Amino acid sequence: MAGSGSTTTDGSDASPSKEKKSKAAKVPSTSRRRNRPGPRQRLLGSATHLFTTEGIRVIGIDRILRDADVAKASLYSLFGSKDNLVVSYLEELDKDWRERWEKMCDDRPKPEDRILAFFDMCIADQPGENYRGSHFQNAASEYPRPDTDSEHRIRAAALEHRRWCRDTMADLLTEKFGYASRTLADQLMVFLDGGIAGAKMNRTVTPLETARELAKQLLYTAPMMYSI
């Protein structure tokens, strides 16, 4: 009586071998699905790519959904709106920036060297980012006169990064000189802002390198009783 599967020339059943091949073929697909980031991570990843390369206002929700391969219902359940996604995008950028700055400072015990790390990070980042400037400055410039609460929160998220940079520099100046000088921290931020804007305009890190040199001179020549 014939069985349900075919046999080989030596009489052995070939069906198990086919079954194994079929199961093996399914494993990579299952593994990819299992290792795929969740909807929130995919939405943030797509938003980060699109917002940083093309801008915020020009990118619509449908474009983000297609790029992230996420349903519209997921976006609204996770973030509530595109503006909330923009806020989360800026907060994630800020978190990443702080973590990378702290890592760069691991082998920089001197406060002046940790301040210069702000400039070094921008010098390292700008060529790879196609000289797009500061993503935080770019975001704030897209909402120069916010009309809604969510637009105010977008500007606030962008400005929070700058506030952290300034306050961190002020704390490091206190560590170096023994007193807090907001004026000196403001001057360093002007150097950093100008260097970033110049690099974006000229598509070269030279303005940032000049800004770094100005910051270095200020740090090493500021009088001990600098105006507070």
Protein backbone atom coordinates (compact mmCIF):
# COMPACT_ATOMS: atom_id res chain seq x y z
CA MET A 1 0.00 0.00 0.00
CA ALA A 2 1.44 3.43 -0.95
CA GLY A 3 2.22 5.90 1.86
CA SER A 4 1.37 9.63 1.95
CA GLY A 5 4.94 10.65 1.03
CA SER A 6 7.32 9.71 -1.78
CA THR A 7 10.32 7.45 -1.25
CA THR A 8 13.97 7.69 -2.32
CA THR A 9 15.81 5.05 -4.32
CA ASP A 10 16.85 3.27 -1.10
CA GLY A 11 13.26 3.15 0.10
CA SER A 12 13.55 5.90 2.75
CA ASP A 13 10.79 8.47 3.18
CA ALA A 14 11.67 11.88 1.63
CA SER A 15 8.85 13.84 3.27
CA PRO A 16 10.69 14.71 6.55
CA SER A 17 13.51 16.30 4.52
CA LYS A 18 11.03 18.50 2.67
CA GLU A 19 9.38 19.40 5.95
CA LYS A 20 12.72 20.48 7.43
CA LYS A 21 13.46 22.66 4.39
CA SER A 22 10.06 24.27 4.63
CA LYS A 23 10.54 25.06 8.33
CA ALA A 24 14.06 26.35 7.73
CA ALA A 25 12.79 28.71 5.05
CA LYS A 26 10.35 30.25 7.49
CA VAL A 27 12.90 30.92 10.24
CA PRO A 28 14.58 34.04 8.75
CA SER A 29 11.22 35.73 8.14
CA THR A 30 10.07 34.98 11.69
CA SER A 31 13.40 36.15 13.07
CA ARG A 32 13.17 39.44 11.16
CA ARG A 33 9.71 40.11 12.52
CA ARG A 34 10.84 39.29 16.04
CA ASN A 35 13.89 41.59 15.81
CA ARG A 36 12.03 44.44 14.12
CA PRO A 37 11.73 47.61 16.24
CA GLY A 38 8.28 48.40 17.59
CA PRO A 39 5.96 51.03 16.07
CA ARG A 40 7.17 53.81 18.40
CA GLN A 41 10.82 53.24 17.51
CA ARG A 42 10.00 53.03 13.79
CA LEU A 43 7.98 56.24 13.89
CA LEU A 44 10.75 58.10 15.74
CA GLY A 45 13.37 56.66 13.39
CA SER A 46 11.47 57.78 10.30
CA ALA A 47 10.66 61.16 11.80
CA THR A 48 14.32 61.73 12.70
CA HIS A 49 15.48 60.85 9.19
CA LEU A 50 12.84 62.93 7.41
CA PHE A 51 12.82 65.94 9.73
CA THR A 52 16.62 66.27 9.85
CA THR A 53 17.12 65.87 6.11
CA GLU A 54 14.08 67.69 4.70
CA GLY A 55 12.55 69.79 7.45
CA ILE A 56 9.55 69.46 9.74
CA ARG A 57 6.64 71.37 8.22
CA VAL A 58 7.19 70.01 4.72
CA ILE A 59 6.81 66.40 5.92
CA GLY A 60 3.23 65.17 6.24
CA ILE A 61 1.91 62.40 8.45
CA ASP A 62 1.28 60.05 5.51
CA ARG A 63 4.93 60.31 4.45
CA ILE A 64 6.08 59.33 7.93
CA LEU A 65 3.61 56.44 8.11
CA ARG A 66 4.77 55.03 4.77
CA ASP A 67 8.42 55.31 5.70
CA ALA A 68 7.87 53.71 9.13
CA ASP A 69 5.37 51.12 7.82
CA VAL A 70 3.02 51.96 10.67
CA ALA A 71 -0.76 52.41 10.67
CA LYS A 72 -2.18 55.88 11.33
CA ALA A 73 -4.04 54.57 14.37
CA SER A 74 -0.70 53.60 15.95
CA LEU A 75 0.71 57.10 15.49
CA TYR A 76 -2.28 58.69 17.19
CA SER A 77 -2.37 56.14 20.00
CA LEU A 78 1.36 56.55 20.67
CA PHE A 79 1.81 60.31 20.14
CA GLY A 80 -1.61 61.84 19.64
CA SER A 81 -0.54 64.16 16.81
CA LYS A 82 2.30 65.05 14.45
CA ASP A 83 3.26 67.97 16.71
CA ASN A 84 3.68 65.61 19.66
CA LEU A 85 5.86 63.40 17.45
CA VAL A 86 7.99 66.47 16.65
CA VAL A 87 8.41 67.18 20.37
CA SER A 88 9.45 63.56 21.00
CA TYR A 89 11.86 63.72 18.05
CA LEU A 90 13.57 66.79 19.55
CA GLU A 91 13.69 65.23 23.01
CA GLU A 92 15.31 62.09 21.59
CA LEU A 93 17.86 64.19 19.69
CA ASP A 94 18.66 66.10 22.86
CA LYS A 95 19.04 62.89 24.87
CA ASP A 96 21.37 61.41 22.25
CA TRP A 97 23.41 64.63 22.09
CA ARG A 98 23.91 64.70 25.85
CA GLU A 99 24.91 61.04 25.99
CA ARG A 100 27.47 61.45 23.20
CA TRP A 101 28.87 64.59 24.83
CA GLU A 102 29.26 62.78 28.16
CA LYS A 103 31.00 59.90 26.41
CA MET A 104 33.38 62.30 24.68
CA CYS A 105 34.16 63.83 28.07
CA ASP A 106 35.05 60.50 29.69
CA ASP A 107 38.75 61.18 29.15
CA ARG A 108 38.54 64.95 29.62
CA PRO A 109 38.95 65.72 33.35
CA LYS A 110 39.53 69.46 32.90
CA PRO A 111 36.42 71.66 32.73
CA GLU A 112 37.84 73.74 29.87
CA ASP A 113 38.33 70.60 27.79
CA ARG A 114 34.76 69.52 28.47
CA ILE A 115 33.55 72.94 27.27
CA LEU A 116 35.60 72.58 24.09
CA ALA A 117 33.90 69.19 23.59
CA PHE A 118 30.76 71.10 22.55
CA PHE A 119 32.69 72.52 19.61
CA ASP A 120 34.46 69.23 18.87
CA MET A 121 31.15 67.39 18.61
CA CYS A 122 29.78 69.89 16.12
CA ILE A 123 32.99 69.78 14.09
CA ALA A 124 32.73 65.98 13.97
CA ASP A 125 29.00 65.92 13.19
CA GLN A 126 28.52 68.57 10.51
CA PRO A 127 30.24 66.88 7.53
CA GLY A 128 28.28 63.66 8.06
CA GLU A 129 25.04 65.66 8.38
CA ASN A 130 25.68 67.48 5.09
CA TYR A 131 26.21 70.78 6.91
CA ARG A 132 22.55 71.16 7.86
CA GLY A 133 23.40 73.14 10.97
CA SER A 134 21.76 72.64 14.35
CA HIS A 135 18.60 70.57 14.17
CA PHE A 136 17.38 72.43 17.24
CA GLN A 137 17.95 75.84 15.66
CA ASN A 138 16.33 74.60 12.46
CA ALA A 139 13.26 73.37 14.34
CA ALA A 140 12.87 76.65 16.24
CA SER A 141 13.21 78.65 13.01
CA GLU A 142 10.30 76.73 11.49
CA TYR A 143 8.05 78.06 14.27
CA PRO A 144 9.13 81.71 14.62
CA ARG A 145 5.69 82.82 15.83
CA PRO A 146 3.99 79.79 17.40
CA ASP A 147 0.20 80.02 17.35
CA THR A 148 -0.82 76.90 19.23
CA ASP A 149 0.13 75.22 22.49
CA SER A 150 1.77 72.35 20.60
CA GLU A 151 3.86 74.78 18.53
CA HIS A 152 4.98 76.49 21.74
CA ARG A 153 6.02 73.07 23.07
CA ILE A 154 8.03 72.40 19.91
CA ARG A 155 9.99 75.64 20.37
CA ALA A 156 10.37 74.89 24.08
CA ALA A 157 11.83 71.45 23.30
CA ALA A 158 14.33 73.02 20.87
CA LEU A 159 15.26 75.77 23.32
CA GLU A 160 15.67 73.26 26.15
CA HIS A 161 18.70 71.80 24.37
CA ARG A 162 20.29 75.23 24.10
CA ARG A 163 19.48 75.98 27.75
CA TRP A 164 21.20 72.75 28.78
CA CYS A 165 24.30 73.62 26.72
CA ARG A 166 24.51 77.09 28.30
CA ASP A 167 23.86 75.89 31.85
CA THR A 168 26.38 73.07 31.50
CA MET A 169 29.01 75.52 30.27
CA ALA A 170 28.18 77.84 33.19
CA ASP A 171 28.64 74.97 35.68
CA LEU A 172 31.97 74.05 34.10
CA LEU A 173 33.09 77.68 34.23
CA THR A 174 32.26 77.71 37.95
CA GLU A 175 34.38 74.59 38.35
CA LYS A 176 37.28 76.21 36.49
CA PHE A 177 37.23 79.75 37.92
CA GLY A 178 35.52 79.23 41.26
CA TYR A 179 32.60 81.54 40.49
CA ALA A 180 29.61 81.49 38.16
CA SER A 181 29.76 83.78 35.13
CA ARG A 182 26.61 83.74 33.01
CA THR A 183 28.16 86.44 30.81
CA LEU A 184 31.08 84.22 29.89
CA ALA A 185 28.74 81.28 29.23
CA ASP A 186 26.66 83.52 26.96
CA GLN A 187 29.78 84.51 25.01
CA LEU A 188 30.73 80.87 24.52
CA MET A 189 27.22 80.14 23.23
CA VAL A 190 27.52 83.02 20.76
CA PHE A 191 30.75 81.44 19.48
CA LEU A 192 29.06 78.05 19.15
CA ASP A 193 25.91 79.42 17.48
CA GLY A 194 27.98 81.48 15.06
CA GLY A 195 30.28 78.59 14.23
CA ILE A 196 27.34 76.30 13.45
CA ALA A 197 25.62 78.96 11.30
CA GLY A 198 28.87 79.69 9.44
CA ALA A 199 29.53 76.00 8.79
CA LYS A 200 26.00 75.64 7.40
CA MET A 201 26.41 78.66 5.14
CA ASN A 202 29.91 77.85 3.87
CA ARG A 203 29.59 74.06 3.95
CA THR A 204 32.89 73.72 5.76
CA VAL A 205 33.90 73.23 9.41
CA THR A 206 36.31 76.19 9.24
CA PRO A 207 33.90 78.59 11.01
CA LEU A 208 33.45 76.03 13.79
CA GLU A 209 37.21 75.60 14.10
CA THR A 210 37.56 79.40 14.35
CA ALA A 211 34.81 79.47 16.98
CA ARG A 212 36.62 76.74 18.93
CA GLU A 213 39.86 78.74 18.86
CA LEU A 214 38.03 81.85 20.12
CA ALA A 215 36.47 79.80 22.91
CA LYS A 216 39.86 78.36 23.81
CA GLN A 217 41.44 81.82 23.99
CA LEU A 218 38.60 83.06 26.19
CA LEU A 219 38.90 80.07 28.51
CA TYR A 220 42.64 80.48 28.96
CA THR A 221 42.80 84.28 29.16
CA ALA A 222 39.62 85.19 31.09
CA PRO A 223 40.63 87.14 34.22
CA MET A 224 39.96 85.46 37.54
CA MET A 225 37.62 88.27 38.54
CA TYR A 226 35.61 88.28 35.32
CA SER A 227 32.33 90.23 35.51
CA ILE A 228 29.57 88.00 36.85
